[in-house]
Amino acid sequence: MARQDRITSLLQSALSPSFLAVRDVSHQHHGHAGWREGGETHFEVDIASSLFDGQTRVAAHRMVNDALAEELNTGLHALQIKIIKN
């Protein structure tokens, strides 16, 4: 399974988002730190979830990072997160 699909599945399972967009933007970082041939190293995530209600932006980001801990430990180099309030 591609990393983008795993990220999508993990976030859907952990956070039940009402909106989720996951984009592999590794091509934009060619030659930068953490980039590897074949991509799947740099991602952008736009996410809305009722679980973020009453949470600070930092807390919401931590929730996303916690859900993706295994991916971050196995080659996901950079993750840009945009929290969308419901």
Protein backbone atom coordinates (compact mmCIF):
# COMPACT_ATOMS: atom_id res chain seq x y z
CA MET A 1 0.00 0.00 0.00
CA ALA A 2 1.30 3.46 -0.86
CA ARG A 3 2.17 5.79 2.01
CA GLN A 4 -0.54 8.27 0.93
CA ASP A 5 -3.14 5.51 1.29
CA ARG A 6 -1.76 4.46 4.68
CA ILE A 7 -1.83 8.08 5.92
CA THR A 8 -5.43 8.45 4.73
CA SER A 9 -6.48 5.19 6.37
CA LEU A 10 -4.73 5.95 9.68
CA LEU A 11 -6.24 9.43 9.93
CA GLN A 12 -9.73 8.20 9.03
CA SER A 13 -9.50 5.48 11.65
CA ALA A 14 -8.06 7.62 14.45
CA LEU A 15 -9.82 10.95 13.90
CA SER A 16 -13.04 10.27 11.91
CA PRO A 17 -12.54 13.41 9.84
CA SER A 18 -15.43 15.24 8.20
CA PHE A 19 -12.90 16.43 5.61
CA LEU A 20 -9.53 14.98 4.68
CA ALA A 21 -7.12 15.72 1.84
CA VAL A 22 -3.69 14.08 1.71
CA ARG A 23 -1.16 15.13 -0.93
CA ASP A 24 2.30 13.74 -1.69
CA VAL A 25 4.41 16.85 -2.36
CA SER A 26 7.77 15.06 -2.33
CA HIS A 27 8.51 16.22 -5.88
CA GLN A 28 8.64 19.81 -4.57
CA HIS A 29 11.55 18.87 -2.30
CA HIS A 30 13.82 17.09 -4.77
CA GLY A 31 17.37 17.30 -3.47
CA HIS A 32 16.37 18.61 -0.03
CA ALA A 33 16.94 16.89 3.29
CA GLY A 34 14.92 13.73 3.72
CA TRP A 35 14.02 13.43 0.03
CA ARG A 36 14.42 9.99 -1.52
CA GLU A 37 14.09 8.65 -5.04
CA GLY A 38 10.51 7.48 -5.46
CA GLY A 39 9.03 10.18 -3.22
CA GLU A 40 6.64 9.43 -0.38
CA THR A 41 8.71 11.56 2.01
CA HIS A 42 6.88 14.92 2.16
CA PHE A 43 3.10 15.26 2.58
CA GLU A 44 0.46 17.91 3.14
CA VAL A 45 -2.67 17.08 5.13
CA ASP A 46 -5.80 19.24 5.34
CA ILE A 47 -8.14 17.82 7.97
CA ALA A 48 -11.34 18.68 9.84
CA SER A 49 -12.60 16.57 12.72
CA SER A 50 -15.05 17.11 15.56
CA LEU A 51 -12.31 15.67 17.81
CA PHE A 52 -10.48 18.98 17.36
CA ASP A 53 -13.39 20.96 18.88
CA GLY A 54 -12.16 22.76 21.98
CA GLN A 55 -8.54 21.81 21.26
CA THR A 56 -5.73 24.26 20.57
CA ARG A 57 -4.06 24.11 17.18
CA VAL A 58 -1.00 22.55 18.83
CA ALA A 59 -3.14 19.85 20.46
CA ALA A 60 -4.85 19.08 17.14
CA HIS A 61 -1.46 18.81 15.41
CA ARG A 62 -0.30 16.43 18.14
CA MET A 63 -3.36 14.26 17.52
CA VAL A 64 -2.47 14.02 13.84
CA ASN A 65 1.20 13.32 14.59
CA ASP A 66 0.24 10.65 17.14
CA ALA A 67 -1.99 8.94 14.58
CA LEU A 68 0.90 8.92 12.10
CA ALA A 69 3.70 8.02 14.54
CA GLU A 70 4.60 4.79 12.74
CA GLU A 71 4.79 6.56 9.36
CA LEU A 72 6.97 9.28 10.88
CA ASN A 73 9.27 6.57 12.25
CA THR A 74 9.53 4.74 8.92
CA GLY A 75 10.47 7.34 6.33
CA LEU A 76 7.86 10.09 6.38
CA HIS A 77 10.23 13.04 6.62
CA ALA A 78 7.95 16.08 6.55
CA LEU A 79 4.28 16.63 7.27
CA GLN A 80 2.51 19.94 6.73
CA ILE A 81 -0.78 19.96 8.62
CA LYS A 82 -3.68 22.36 8.08
CA ILE A 83 -6.41 22.03 10.72
CA ILE A 84 -9.80 23.10 9.40
CA LYS A 85 -12.32 24.06 12.06
CA ASN A 86 -15.84 22.64 11.58
